[in-house]
Amino acid sequence: MAKDPIENLKIIEEGIIAKAMEALNRTNTRVKAKLLQQHLAGGGDTSLAKRTGSLARSITEEPATQEGNLISAKLHAGVVYAKVHFGPRGSAVTITPVKAKMLAIPLAAAKTGAGVARGSPRSGIWGPTKIFRSKAGNLIIWGYQAGKGAGKGELTPLFVLKNSVVIKRRIDPQVDLVQWAKPVLIEEIKKGGLLKVG
C-alpha cells in the first residue's frame, strides 16, 4: 500500500470498482442464459418459439464499463425484428407493409417444419399463382407446392394477404430480466466480498 492516505483510498476504490464490474459481468452472463433458456426457447406466454435461431444467436453481452459514478453492462439483440418481441408486458406492435400493398402471411404449405416461410409469393418457386377470396373475405394466394415443378400438382393455398398484423410483445425486459437480475447481482456482489453475507 502507498504511504499517502489519498493514494491508499484511490487503490481501495479501484479495487472495489473492479470487483463490482466483475460481479456485474457475471450477472449479465446469467441474465443472458435466462433469456436464451426461458424466453427464446418456446413454450409459454413470455417466450418465443424457436424457428431459425437467429434471434438467440444475435444476443451478445457488452462487458461492464464505468462512466463517472455509473457502472453498467448491457445485452444486445442483433436482429432488427427483436424490438417487435421486446417491450412492456401487454403492449403490441402493428406491422404494416413497406414495399408492397399488403403483407403476405405464409400458410402451412408455404412454411418449413419450424414455421419459417419457404419463400415469398414472388419467388417463383410456386409456379403460376392465383388469388382467390375466401368465404371469410380474405385474399389467398394459391400456387403449387415447392419441389413439385412449376405448374404441376394441385393448387394449394400458400399465403393470406393482410393490410396489417398485430404482434403481442412477449418479453418484458424490465420485468423478465432487470427485476430478476437485482437479487442475482446482490448475490454476485456478496461472492466478490463487497457485501457481508447474511
N, C-alpha and C. Protein backbone atom coordinates (compact mmCIF):
# COMPACT_ATOMS: atom_id res chain seq x y z
N MET A 1 0.83 -1.19 0.00
CA MET A 1 0.00 0.00 0.00
C MET A 1 0.88 1.26 0.00
N ALA A 2 0.38 2.28 -0.65
CA ALA A 2 1.09 3.56 -0.67
C ALA A 2 1.02 4.22 0.71
N LYS A 3 2.01 5.05 1.01
CA LYS A 3 2.05 5.72 2.32
C LYS A 3 1.05 6.88 2.36
N ASP A 4 0.80 7.48 1.25
CA ASP A 4 -0.13 8.60 1.18
C ASP A 4 -1.57 8.08 1.36
N PRO A 5 -2.34 8.60 2.35
CA PRO A 5 -3.70 8.11 2.58
C PRO A 5 -4.62 8.31 1.38
N ILE A 6 -4.43 9.40 0.63
CA ILE A 6 -5.26 9.64 -0.56
C ILE A 6 -4.98 8.57 -1.61
N GLU A 7 -3.69 8.26 -1.79
CA GLU A 7 -3.33 7.19 -2.74
C GLU A 7 -3.93 5.86 -2.30
N ASN A 8 -3.88 5.59 -0.99
CA ASN A 8 -4.48 4.36 -0.45
C ASN A 8 -5.96 4.28 -0.79
N LEU A 9 -6.67 5.40 -0.61
CA LEU A 9 -8.10 5.43 -0.91
C LEU A 9 -8.36 5.17 -2.39
N LYS A 10 -7.52 5.75 -3.25
CA LYS A 10 -7.68 5.54 -4.70
C LYS A 10 -7.50 4.06 -5.05
N ILE A 11 -6.49 3.42 -4.44
CA ILE A 11 -6.23 2.00 -4.69
C ILE A 11 -7.41 1.16 -4.23
N ILE A 12 -7.92 1.47 -3.03
CA ILE A 12 -9.08 0.73 -2.50
C ILE A 12 -10.29 0.93 -3.41
N GLU A 13 -10.52 2.18 -3.83
CA GLU A 13 -11.65 2.48 -4.71
C GLU A 13 -11.55 1.70 -6.03
N GLU A 14 -10.36 1.68 -6.61
CA GLU A 14 -10.16 0.96 -7.87
C GLU A 14 -10.43 -0.53 -7.69
N GLY A 15 -10.01 -1.07 -6.54
CA GLY A 15 -10.27 -2.49 -6.26
C GLY A 15 -11.75 -2.78 -6.11
N ILE A 16 -12.47 -1.89 -5.45
CA ILE A 16 -13.92 -2.06 -5.27
C ILE A 16 -14.63 -1.98 -6.62
N ILE A 17 -14.24 -1.00 -7.43
CA ILE A 17 -14.86 -0.85 -8.76
C ILE A 17 -14.59 -2.08 -9.62
N ALA A 18 -13.38 -2.58 -9.60
CA ALA A 18 -13.04 -3.77 -10.39
C ALA A 18 -13.89 -4.97 -9.96
N LYS A 19 -14.05 -5.15 -8.63
CA LYS A 19 -14.87 -6.27 -8.13
C LYS A 19 -16.34 -6.09 -8.50
N ALA A 20 -16.82 -4.84 -8.43
CA ALA A 20 -18.21 -4.56 -8.80
C ALA A 20 -18.44 -4.85 -10.28
N MET A 21 -17.48 -4.51 -11.13
CA MET A 21 -17.60 -4.77 -12.57
C MET A 21 -17.58 -6.28 -12.85
N GLU A 22 -16.74 -7.01 -12.13
CA GLU A 22 -16.73 -8.47 -12.28
C GLU A 22 -18.08 -9.06 -11.89
N ALA A 23 -18.65 -8.58 -10.77
CA ALA A 23 -19.96 -9.06 -10.32
C ALA A 23 -21.04 -8.74 -11.35
N LEU A 24 -20.96 -7.55 -11.94
CA LEU A 24 -21.94 -7.16 -12.95
C LEU A 24 -21.80 -8.00 -14.21
N ASN A 25 -20.56 -8.30 -14.61
CA ASN A 25 -20.35 -9.17 -15.78
C ASN A 25 -20.90 -10.57 -15.54
N ARG A 26 -20.69 -11.12 -14.34
CA ARG A 26 -21.23 -12.45 -14.03
C ARG A 26 -22.76 -12.42 -14.04
N THR A 27 -23.33 -11.34 -13.53
CA THR A 27 -24.80 -11.19 -13.54
C THR A 27 -25.31 -11.10 -14.96
N ASN A 28 -24.64 -10.34 -15.79
CA ASN A 28 -25.04 -10.19 -17.19
C ASN A 28 -25.02 -11.54 -17.92
N THR A 29 -24.02 -12.35 -17.63
CA THR A 29 -23.94 -13.69 -18.23
C THR A 29 -25.12 -14.54 -17.79
N ARG A 30 -25.51 -14.43 -16.53
CA ARG A 30 -26.65 -15.20 -16.02
C ARG A 30 -27.97 -14.70 -16.62
N VAL A 31 -28.08 -13.38 -16.83
CA VAL A 31 -29.28 -12.82 -17.45
C VAL A 31 -29.39 -13.32 -18.89
N LYS A 32 -28.26 -13.35 -19.60
CA LYS A 32 -28.27 -13.85 -20.98
C LYS A 32 -28.71 -15.31 -21.01
N ALA A 33 -28.20 -16.12 -20.10
CA ALA A 33 -28.57 -17.54 -20.03
C ALA A 33 -30.07 -17.68 -19.78
N LYS A 34 -30.62 -16.87 -18.87
CA LYS A 34 -32.06 -16.91 -18.58
C LYS A 34 -32.85 -16.54 -19.82
N LEU A 35 -32.42 -15.48 -20.51
CA LEU A 35 -33.11 -15.04 -21.72
C LEU A 35 -33.15 -16.15 -22.76
N LEU A 36 -32.01 -16.79 -22.99
CA LEU A 36 -31.93 -17.85 -24.00
C LEU A 36 -32.73 -19.09 -23.60
N GLN A 37 -32.64 -19.49 -22.34
CA GLN A 37 -33.27 -20.73 -21.89
C GLN A 37 -34.76 -20.60 -21.60
N GLN A 38 -35.18 -19.45 -21.06
CA GLN A 38 -36.58 -19.31 -20.65
C GLN A 38 -37.44 -18.50 -21.60
N HIS A 39 -36.84 -17.60 -22.37
CA HIS A 39 -37.65 -16.70 -23.18
C HIS A 39 -37.45 -16.85 -24.69
N LEU A 40 -36.42 -17.55 -25.10
CA LEU A 40 -36.19 -17.73 -26.54
C LEU A 40 -36.15 -19.21 -26.93
N ALA A 41 -36.82 -20.03 -26.13
CA ALA A 41 -36.80 -21.47 -26.42
C ALA A 41 -38.20 -22.04 -26.59
N GLY A 42 -39.22 -21.19 -26.63
CA GLY A 42 -40.59 -21.65 -26.86
C GLY A 42 -41.30 -22.07 -25.59
N GLY A 43 -42.63 -22.08 -25.68
CA GLY A 43 -43.44 -22.53 -24.56
C GLY A 43 -43.78 -21.42 -23.58
N GLY A 44 -45.04 -21.04 -23.53
CA GLY A 44 -45.49 -20.05 -22.54
C GLY A 44 -45.73 -18.68 -23.12
N ASP A 45 -46.39 -17.85 -22.29
CA ASP A 45 -46.76 -16.50 -22.72
C ASP A 45 -45.59 -15.52 -22.75
N THR A 46 -44.49 -15.86 -22.08
CA THR A 46 -43.34 -14.95 -22.04
C THR A 46 -42.15 -15.52 -22.81
N SER A 47 -42.44 -16.36 -23.79
CA SER A 47 -41.37 -16.99 -24.55
C SER A 47 -41.73 -17.03 -26.04
N LEU A 48 -40.72 -16.97 -26.87
CA LEU A 48 -40.89 -17.07 -28.32
C LEU A 48 -40.52 -18.46 -28.78
N ALA A 49 -41.27 -19.00 -29.73
CA ALA A 49 -40.92 -20.29 -30.31
C ALA A 49 -39.63 -20.13 -31.12
N LYS A 50 -38.77 -21.12 -31.03
CA LYS A 50 -37.51 -21.07 -31.78
C LYS A 50 -37.78 -21.52 -33.21
N ARG A 51 -37.43 -20.68 -34.16
CA ARG A 51 -37.62 -21.03 -35.57
C ARG A 51 -36.26 -21.19 -36.24
N THR A 52 -35.66 -20.08 -36.62
CA THR A 52 -34.35 -20.16 -37.26
C THR A 52 -33.22 -20.11 -36.24
N GLY A 53 -33.49 -19.57 -35.05
CA GLY A 53 -32.46 -19.41 -34.04
C GLY A 53 -31.65 -18.13 -34.21
N SER A 54 -32.00 -17.30 -35.22
CA SER A 54 -31.23 -16.07 -35.48
C SER A 54 -31.28 -15.10 -34.31
N LEU A 55 -32.46 -14.94 -33.71
CA LEU A 55 -32.58 -14.01 -32.58
C LEU A 55 -31.71 -14.46 -31.42
N ALA A 56 -31.79 -15.74 -31.07
CA ALA A 56 -30.98 -16.26 -29.96
C ALA A 56 -29.49 -16.11 -30.24
N ARG A 57 -29.08 -16.41 -31.47
CA ARG A 57 -27.65 -16.29 -31.82
C ARG A 57 -27.17 -14.85 -31.82
N SER A 58 -28.10 -13.91 -32.00
CA SER A 58 -27.70 -12.50 -32.08
C SER A 58 -27.54 -11.83 -30.71
N ILE A 59 -27.93 -12.51 -29.62
CA ILE A 59 -27.83 -11.91 -28.29
C ILE A 59 -26.36 -11.89 -27.87
N THR A 60 -25.85 -10.70 -27.60
CA THR A 60 -24.44 -10.56 -27.20
C THR A 60 -24.34 -9.73 -25.92
N GLU A 61 -23.29 -9.98 -25.17
CA GLU A 61 -23.03 -9.25 -23.93
C GLU A 61 -22.04 -8.12 -24.19
N GLU A 62 -22.32 -6.97 -23.61
CA GLU A 62 -21.35 -5.87 -23.62
C GLU A 62 -20.77 -5.80 -22.21
N PRO A 63 -19.47 -6.02 -22.05
CA PRO A 63 -18.87 -6.04 -20.72
C PRO A 63 -19.10 -4.73 -19.96
N ALA A 64 -19.02 -4.83 -18.64
CA ALA A 64 -19.23 -3.67 -17.77
C ALA A 64 -18.24 -2.55 -18.08
N THR A 65 -18.77 -1.34 -18.06
CA THR A 65 -17.94 -0.14 -18.24
C THR A 65 -18.30 0.86 -17.14
N GLN A 66 -17.39 1.78 -16.91
CA GLN A 66 -17.63 2.81 -15.90
C GLN A 66 -17.62 4.17 -16.56
N GLU A 67 -18.67 4.96 -16.26
CA GLU A 67 -18.72 6.34 -16.70
C GLU A 67 -19.07 7.19 -15.49
N GLY A 68 -18.13 7.92 -14.97
CA GLY A 68 -18.37 8.68 -13.74
C GLY A 68 -18.66 7.73 -12.59
N ASN A 69 -19.80 7.92 -11.95
CA ASN A 69 -20.20 7.07 -10.82
C ASN A 69 -21.03 5.88 -11.26
N LEU A 70 -21.27 5.75 -12.55
CA LEU A 70 -22.15 4.69 -13.05
C LEU A 70 -21.35 3.54 -13.64
N ILE A 71 -21.70 2.31 -13.22
CA ILE A 71 -21.13 1.10 -13.82
C ILE A 71 -22.29 0.38 -14.49
N SER A 72 -22.13 0.03 -15.75
CA SER A 72 -23.22 -0.63 -16.47
C SER A 72 -22.70 -1.73 -17.39
N ALA A 73 -23.57 -2.69 -17.64
CA ALA A 73 -23.30 -3.76 -18.61
C ALA A 73 -24.59 -3.94 -19.41
N LYS A 74 -24.48 -4.40 -20.63
CA LYS A 74 -25.67 -4.48 -21.50
C LYS A 74 -25.74 -5.81 -22.24
N LEU A 75 -26.97 -6.14 -22.66
CA LEU A 75 -27.21 -7.23 -23.61
C LEU A 75 -27.76 -6.59 -24.88
N HIS A 76 -27.33 -7.08 -26.03
CA HIS A 76 -27.82 -6.56 -27.30
C HIS A 76 -28.44 -7.70 -28.11
N ALA A 77 -29.55 -7.37 -28.80
CA ALA A 77 -30.13 -8.28 -29.77
C ALA A 77 -29.77 -7.73 -31.13
N GLY A 78 -29.06 -8.51 -31.93
CA GLY A 78 -28.52 -8.02 -33.18
C GLY A 78 -29.42 -8.18 -34.40
N VAL A 79 -30.69 -8.48 -34.22
CA VAL A 79 -31.58 -8.57 -35.37
C VAL A 79 -32.62 -7.46 -35.27
N VAL A 80 -33.01 -6.92 -36.40
CA VAL A 80 -33.91 -5.77 -36.45
C VAL A 80 -35.26 -6.08 -35.80
N TYR A 81 -35.77 -7.30 -36.02
CA TYR A 81 -37.11 -7.62 -35.55
C TYR A 81 -37.20 -7.88 -34.05
N ALA A 82 -36.08 -7.81 -33.32
CA ALA A 82 -36.11 -8.03 -31.87
C ALA A 82 -37.04 -7.04 -31.18
N LYS A 83 -37.07 -5.78 -31.65
CA LYS A 83 -37.89 -4.76 -31.00
C LYS A 83 -39.38 -5.08 -31.06
N VAL A 84 -39.77 -5.92 -31.99
CA VAL A 84 -41.17 -6.33 -32.07
C VAL A 84 -41.53 -7.21 -30.88
N HIS A 85 -40.60 -8.02 -30.41
CA HIS A 85 -40.88 -9.01 -29.36
C HIS A 85 -40.55 -8.54 -27.95
N PHE A 86 -39.73 -7.50 -27.82
CA PHE A 86 -39.32 -6.99 -26.51
C PHE A 86 -40.04 -5.67 -26.22
N GLY A 87 -40.68 -5.59 -25.06
CA GLY A 87 -41.34 -4.34 -24.68
C GLY A 87 -42.22 -4.55 -23.47
N PRO A 88 -42.89 -3.51 -23.02
CA PRO A 88 -43.72 -3.61 -21.82
C PRO A 88 -44.78 -4.71 -21.95
N ARG A 89 -44.98 -5.43 -20.85
CA ARG A 89 -45.98 -6.50 -20.82
C ARG A 89 -47.35 -5.96 -21.22
N GLY A 90 -48.02 -6.65 -22.12
CA GLY A 90 -49.35 -6.24 -22.57
C GLY A 90 -49.35 -5.33 -23.79
N SER A 91 -48.17 -4.83 -24.18
CA SER A 91 -48.12 -3.96 -25.36
C SER A 91 -48.03 -4.81 -26.62
N ALA A 92 -48.27 -4.18 -27.76
CA ALA A 92 -48.24 -4.88 -29.05
C ALA A 92 -47.67 -3.94 -30.11
N VAL A 93 -47.26 -4.53 -31.21
CA VAL A 93 -46.71 -3.77 -32.34
C VAL A 93 -47.53 -4.11 -33.58
N THR A 94 -47.91 -3.09 -34.32
CA THR A 94 -48.64 -3.31 -35.57
C THR A 94 -47.64 -3.27 -36.72
N ILE A 95 -47.63 -4.34 -37.52
CA ILE A 95 -46.74 -4.44 -38.68
C ILE A 95 -47.55 -4.08 -39.92
N THR A 96 -47.02 -3.17 -40.71
CA THR A 96 -47.68 -2.78 -41.96
C THR A 96 -46.69 -2.97 -43.11
N PRO A 97 -47.19 -3.10 -44.33
CA PRO A 97 -46.27 -3.31 -45.47
C PRO A 97 -45.42 -2.08 -45.74
N VAL A 98 -44.19 -2.32 -46.18
CA VAL A 98 -43.27 -1.23 -46.50
C VAL A 98 -43.07 -1.13 -48.01
N LYS A 99 -42.85 -2.27 -48.67
CA LYS A 99 -42.56 -2.25 -50.10
C LYS A 99 -43.69 -2.79 -50.97
N ALA A 100 -44.77 -3.25 -50.36
CA ALA A 100 -45.89 -3.82 -51.11
C ALA A 100 -47.19 -3.23 -50.58
N LYS A 101 -48.29 -3.53 -51.26
CA LYS A 101 -49.58 -3.01 -50.81
C LYS A 101 -50.11 -3.78 -49.61
N MET A 102 -49.77 -5.07 -49.54
CA MET A 102 -50.27 -5.91 -48.45
C MET A 102 -49.17 -6.83 -47.96
N LEU A 103 -49.33 -7.34 -46.73
CA LEU A 103 -48.43 -8.34 -46.18
C LEU A 103 -48.86 -9.71 -46.66
N ALA A 104 -47.92 -10.56 -46.99
CA ALA A 104 -48.22 -11.94 -47.38
C ALA A 104 -47.81 -12.85 -46.22
N ILE A 105 -48.79 -13.39 -45.52
CA ILE A 105 -48.54 -14.24 -44.35
C ILE A 105 -48.54 -15.69 -44.82
N PRO A 106 -47.43 -16.42 -44.64
CA PRO A 106 -47.37 -17.80 -45.13
C PRO A 106 -48.32 -18.73 -44.39
N LEU A 107 -48.99 -19.58 -45.15
CA LEU A 107 -49.83 -20.63 -44.59
C LEU A 107 -49.00 -21.91 -44.49
N ALA A 108 -49.57 -22.97 -43.95
CA ALA A 108 -48.82 -24.21 -43.67
C ALA A 108 -48.01 -24.73 -44.85
N ALA A 109 -48.59 -24.74 -46.05
CA ALA A 109 -47.89 -25.30 -47.22
C ALA A 109 -46.69 -24.46 -47.64
N ALA A 110 -46.63 -23.20 -47.20
CA ALA A 110 -45.53 -22.32 -47.59
C ALA A 110 -44.49 -22.18 -46.49
N LYS A 111 -44.58 -23.04 -45.45
CA LYS A 111 -43.64 -22.95 -44.32
C LYS A 111 -42.87 -24.26 -44.15
N THR A 112 -41.69 -24.12 -43.55
CA THR A 112 -40.91 -25.30 -43.17
C THR A 112 -41.52 -25.90 -41.91
N GLY A 113 -41.01 -27.02 -41.46
CA GLY A 113 -41.47 -27.65 -40.23
C GLY A 113 -41.29 -26.76 -39.02
N ALA A 114 -40.30 -25.85 -39.06
CA ALA A 114 -40.04 -24.94 -37.95
C ALA A 114 -40.92 -23.69 -38.02
N GLY A 115 -41.74 -23.57 -39.09
CA GLY A 115 -42.62 -22.43 -39.20
C GLY A 115 -42.04 -21.24 -39.94
N VAL A 116 -40.94 -21.44 -40.66
CA VAL A 116 -40.29 -20.36 -41.40
C VAL A 116 -40.78 -20.40 -42.85
N ALA A 117 -41.05 -19.23 -43.44
CA ALA A 117 -41.51 -19.16 -44.83
C ALA A 117 -40.48 -19.77 -45.77
N ARG A 118 -40.94 -20.58 -46.71
CA ARG A 118 -40.04 -21.21 -47.70
C ARG A 118 -39.61 -20.21 -48.78
N GLY A 119 -40.37 -19.18 -48.94
CA GLY A 119 -40.09 -18.17 -49.96
C GLY A 119 -41.22 -17.17 -49.96
N SER A 120 -41.13 -16.19 -50.84
CA SER A 120 -42.20 -15.19 -50.92
C SER A 120 -43.15 -15.55 -52.06
N PRO A 121 -44.30 -14.89 -52.14
CA PRO A 121 -45.22 -15.18 -53.24
C PRO A 121 -44.61 -14.89 -54.61
N ARG A 122 -43.60 -14.01 -54.66
CA ARG A 122 -42.98 -13.63 -55.94
C ARG A 122 -41.69 -14.39 -56.23
N SER A 123 -41.33 -15.35 -55.37
CA SER A 123 -40.03 -16.01 -55.55
C SER A 123 -39.97 -16.96 -56.73
N GLY A 124 -41.11 -17.32 -57.30
CA GLY A 124 -41.12 -18.19 -58.48
C GLY A 124 -41.13 -19.67 -58.17
N ILE A 125 -40.91 -20.06 -56.92
CA ILE A 125 -40.87 -21.50 -56.59
C ILE A 125 -42.25 -22.13 -56.57
N TRP A 126 -43.31 -21.31 -56.63
CA TRP A 126 -44.67 -21.83 -56.54
C TRP A 126 -45.30 -22.01 -57.91
N GLY A 127 -44.56 -21.71 -58.98
CA GLY A 127 -45.16 -21.77 -60.31
C GLY A 127 -46.13 -20.61 -60.49
N PRO A 128 -47.06 -20.72 -61.44
CA PRO A 128 -48.03 -19.64 -61.60
C PRO A 128 -48.94 -19.57 -60.37
N THR A 129 -49.19 -18.37 -59.89
CA THR A 129 -50.05 -18.21 -58.70
C THR A 129 -51.34 -17.52 -59.09
N LYS A 130 -52.36 -17.73 -58.25
CA LYS A 130 -53.66 -17.10 -58.46
C LYS A 130 -54.16 -16.60 -57.12
N ILE A 131 -54.97 -15.56 -57.14
CA ILE A 131 -55.52 -15.02 -55.91
C ILE A 131 -57.03 -15.23 -55.91
N PHE A 132 -57.52 -15.82 -54.82
CA PHE A 132 -58.96 -16.02 -54.64
C PHE A 132 -59.38 -15.42 -53.31
N ARG A 133 -60.65 -15.01 -53.22
CA ARG A 133 -61.20 -14.52 -51.96
C ARG A 133 -61.88 -15.68 -51.24
N SER A 134 -61.54 -15.85 -49.94
CA SER A 134 -62.14 -16.93 -49.15
C SER A 134 -63.56 -16.55 -48.74
N LYS A 135 -64.30 -17.51 -48.19
CA LYS A 135 -65.66 -17.24 -47.72
C LYS A 135 -65.64 -16.19 -46.61
N ALA A 136 -64.55 -16.14 -45.85
CA ALA A 136 -64.42 -15.15 -44.77
C ALA A 136 -64.01 -13.78 -45.30
N GLY A 137 -63.73 -13.69 -46.60
CA GLY A 137 -63.37 -12.41 -47.20
C GLY A 137 -61.88 -12.15 -47.32
N ASN A 138 -61.06 -13.11 -46.92
CA ASN A 138 -59.60 -12.93 -47.01
C ASN A 138 -59.10 -13.23 -48.42
N LEU A 139 -58.10 -12.47 -48.86
CA LEU A 139 -57.45 -12.76 -50.14
C LEU A 139 -56.37 -13.80 -49.90
N ILE A 140 -56.44 -14.90 -50.67
CA ILE A 140 -55.50 -16.01 -50.51
C ILE A 140 -54.74 -16.21 -51.82
N ILE A 141 -53.41 -16.29 -51.71
CA ILE A 141 -52.59 -16.61 -52.88
C ILE A 141 -52.46 -18.13 -52.96
N TRP A 142 -52.83 -18.67 -54.10
CA TRP A 142 -52.73 -20.12 -54.34
C TRP A 142 -51.62 -20.36 -55.35
N GLY A 143 -50.96 -21.49 -55.22
CA GLY A 143 -49.91 -21.87 -56.15
C GLY A 143 -49.65 -23.35 -56.00
N TYR A 144 -48.50 -23.79 -56.48
CA TYR A 144 -48.13 -25.21 -56.43
C TYR A 144 -47.01 -25.38 -55.41
N GLN A 145 -47.08 -26.45 -54.63
CA GLN A 145 -46.07 -26.63 -53.58
C GLN A 145 -44.68 -26.71 -54.18
N ALA A 146 -43.72 -26.11 -53.48
CA ALA A 146 -42.33 -26.09 -53.94
C ALA A 146 -41.81 -27.51 -54.09
N GLY A 147 -41.01 -27.73 -55.11
CA GLY A 147 -40.40 -29.04 -55.31
C GLY A 147 -41.21 -29.95 -56.22
N LYS A 148 -42.42 -29.54 -56.58
CA LYS A 148 -43.25 -30.39 -57.44
C LYS A 148 -43.20 -29.94 -58.90
N GLY A 149 -42.37 -28.95 -59.18
CA GLY A 149 -42.26 -28.46 -60.55
C GLY A 149 -43.26 -27.34 -60.78
N ALA A 150 -42.84 -26.35 -61.52
CA ALA A 150 -43.70 -25.19 -61.77
C ALA A 150 -44.97 -25.61 -62.49
N GLY A 151 -46.11 -25.29 -61.87
CA GLY A 151 -47.40 -25.57 -62.51
C GLY A 151 -47.83 -27.01 -62.43
N LYS A 152 -47.18 -27.85 -61.62
CA LYS A 152 -47.55 -29.27 -61.53
C LYS A 152 -48.23 -29.54 -60.20
N GLY A 153 -49.10 -30.52 -60.17
CA GLY A 153 -49.81 -30.89 -58.96
C GLY A 153 -51.08 -30.07 -58.81
N GLU A 154 -51.62 -30.07 -57.59
CA GLU A 154 -52.85 -29.34 -57.33
C GLU A 154 -52.55 -27.96 -56.76
N LEU A 155 -53.43 -27.01 -57.07
CA LEU A 155 -53.30 -25.68 -56.48
C LEU A 155 -53.46 -25.81 -54.96
N THR A 156 -52.61 -25.09 -54.24
CA THR A 156 -52.57 -25.16 -52.77
C THR A 156 -52.59 -23.74 -52.22
N PRO A 157 -53.36 -23.48 -51.12
CA PRO A 157 -53.30 -22.15 -50.52
C PRO A 157 -51.93 -21.93 -49.88
N LEU A 158 -51.29 -20.83 -50.22
CA LEU A 158 -49.92 -20.57 -49.75
C LEU A 158 -49.80 -19.37 -48.82
N PHE A 159 -50.45 -18.26 -49.16
CA PHE A 159 -50.32 -17.04 -48.39
C PHE A 159 -51.67 -16.35 -48.24
N VAL A 160 -51.90 -15.74 -47.09
CA VAL A 160 -53.07 -14.89 -46.90
C VAL A 160 -52.56 -13.45 -46.93
N LEU A 161 -53.27 -12.58 -47.61
CA LEU A 161 -52.87 -11.19 -47.72
C LEU A 161 -53.58 -10.36 -46.66
N LYS A 162 -52.82 -9.53 -45.95
CA LYS A 162 -53.37 -8.70 -44.88
C LYS A 162 -52.85 -7.27 -45.01
N ASN A 163 -53.66 -6.30 -44.60
CA ASN A 163 -53.22 -4.90 -44.59
C ASN A 163 -52.24 -4.66 -43.46
N SER A 164 -52.41 -5.39 -42.36
CA SER A 164 -51.51 -5.26 -41.21
C SER A 164 -51.70 -6.47 -40.30
N VAL A 165 -50.75 -6.69 -39.41
CA VAL A 165 -50.89 -7.72 -38.37
C VAL A 165 -50.41 -7.11 -37.06
N VAL A 166 -51.00 -7.59 -35.96
CA VAL A 166 -50.63 -7.10 -34.64
C VAL A 166 -49.88 -8.22 -33.92
N ILE A 167 -48.67 -7.91 -33.45
CA ILE A 167 -47.83 -8.87 -32.74
C ILE A 167 -47.77 -8.48 -31.26
N LYS A 168 -48.19 -9.39 -30.39
CA LYS A 168 -48.13 -9.14 -28.95
C LYS A 168 -46.69 -9.33 -28.47
N ARG A 169 -46.20 -8.35 -27.73
CA ARG A 169 -44.84 -8.46 -27.18
C ARG A 169 -44.85 -9.49 -26.06
N ARG A 170 -43.87 -10.39 -26.08
CA ARG A 170 -43.83 -11.48 -25.11
C ARG A 170 -42.78 -11.32 -24.03
N ILE A 171 -41.73 -10.57 -24.31
CA ILE A 171 -40.63 -10.46 -23.35
C ILE A 171 -40.57 -9.02 -22.85
N ASP A 172 -40.82 -8.84 -21.56
CA ASP A 172 -40.74 -7.52 -20.93
C ASP A 172 -39.37 -7.41 -20.27
N PRO A 173 -38.43 -6.66 -20.85
CA PRO A 173 -37.08 -6.60 -20.29
C PRO A 173 -37.06 -6.14 -18.83
N GLN A 174 -37.92 -5.19 -18.48
CA GLN A 174 -37.93 -4.67 -17.11
C GLN A 174 -38.35 -5.75 -16.12
N VAL A 175 -39.41 -6.48 -16.44
CA VAL A 175 -39.94 -7.50 -15.52
C VAL A 175 -39.16 -8.81 -15.62
N ASP A 176 -38.97 -9.29 -16.84
CA ASP A 176 -38.38 -10.62 -17.04
C ASP A 176 -36.87 -10.66 -16.84
N LEU A 177 -36.20 -9.54 -17.01
CA LEU A 177 -34.74 -9.55 -16.93
C LEU A 177 -34.19 -8.65 -15.81
N VAL A 178 -34.55 -7.36 -15.82
CA VAL A 178 -33.96 -6.41 -14.87
C VAL A 178 -34.38 -6.75 -13.43
N GLN A 179 -35.68 -6.94 -13.20
CA GLN A 179 -36.15 -7.26 -11.84
C GLN A 179 -35.56 -8.58 -11.36
N TRP A 180 -35.47 -9.56 -12.26
CA TRP A 180 -34.90 -10.86 -11.92
C TRP A 180 -33.42 -10.72 -11.58
N ALA A 181 -32.73 -9.80 -12.26
CA ALA A 181 -31.28 -9.65 -12.09
C ALA A 181 -30.88 -8.97 -10.79
N LYS A 182 -31.77 -8.20 -10.18
CA LYS A 182 -31.39 -7.45 -8.97
C LYS A 182 -30.90 -8.36 -7.85
N PRO A 183 -31.65 -9.40 -7.43
CA PRO A 183 -31.12 -10.27 -6.37
C PRO A 183 -29.90 -11.07 -6.82
N VAL A 184 -29.83 -11.36 -8.11
CA VAL A 184 -28.67 -12.08 -8.66
C VAL A 184 -27.42 -11.21 -8.52
N LEU A 185 -27.55 -9.92 -8.82
CA LEU A 185 -26.41 -9.00 -8.69
C LEU A 185 -25.96 -8.91 -7.24
N ILE A 186 -26.91 -8.83 -6.32
CA ILE A 186 -26.55 -8.79 -4.89
C ILE A 186 -25.78 -10.05 -4.50
N GLU A 187 -26.26 -11.19 -4.99
CA GLU A 187 -25.57 -12.47 -4.72
C GLU A 187 -24.14 -12.44 -5.27
N GLU A 188 -23.97 -11.94 -6.48
CA GLU A 188 -22.64 -11.88 -7.10
C GLU A 188 -21.74 -10.88 -6.38
N ILE A 189 -22.31 -9.79 -5.90
CA ILE A 189 -21.52 -8.80 -5.13
C ILE A 189 -21.04 -9.43 -3.82
N LYS A 190 -21.91 -10.21 -3.19
CA LYS A 190 -21.52 -10.90 -1.94
C LYS A 190 -20.39 -11.90 -2.21
N LYS A 191 -20.50 -12.61 -3.33
CA LYS A 191 -19.46 -13.57 -3.70
C LYS A 191 -18.11 -12.85 -3.89
N GLY A 192 -18.16 -11.62 -4.38
CA GLY A 192 -16.94 -10.85 -4.60
C GLY A 192 -16.39 -10.19 -3.34
N GLY A 193 -17.11 -10.40 -2.22
CA GLY A 193 -16.64 -9.87 -0.95
C GLY A 193 -16.94 -8.41 -0.71
N LEU A 194 -17.86 -7.82 -1.50
CA LEU A 194 -18.18 -6.41 -1.35
C LEU A 194 -19.31 -6.17 -0.35
N LEU A 195 -20.09 -7.19 -0.04
CA LEU A 195 -21.16 -7.10 0.95
C LEU A 195 -21.03 -8.25 1.92
N LYS A 196 -21.46 -8.04 3.14
CA LYS A 196 -21.44 -9.11 4.12
C LYS A 196 -22.52 -10.13 3.79
N VAL A 197 -22.20 -11.40 3.92
CA VAL A 197 -23.16 -12.46 3.70
C VAL A 197 -23.99 -12.60 4.95
N GLY A 198 -25.34 -12.62 4.77
CA GLY A 198 -26.23 -12.78 5.93
C GLY A 198 -27.19 -11.68 6.08
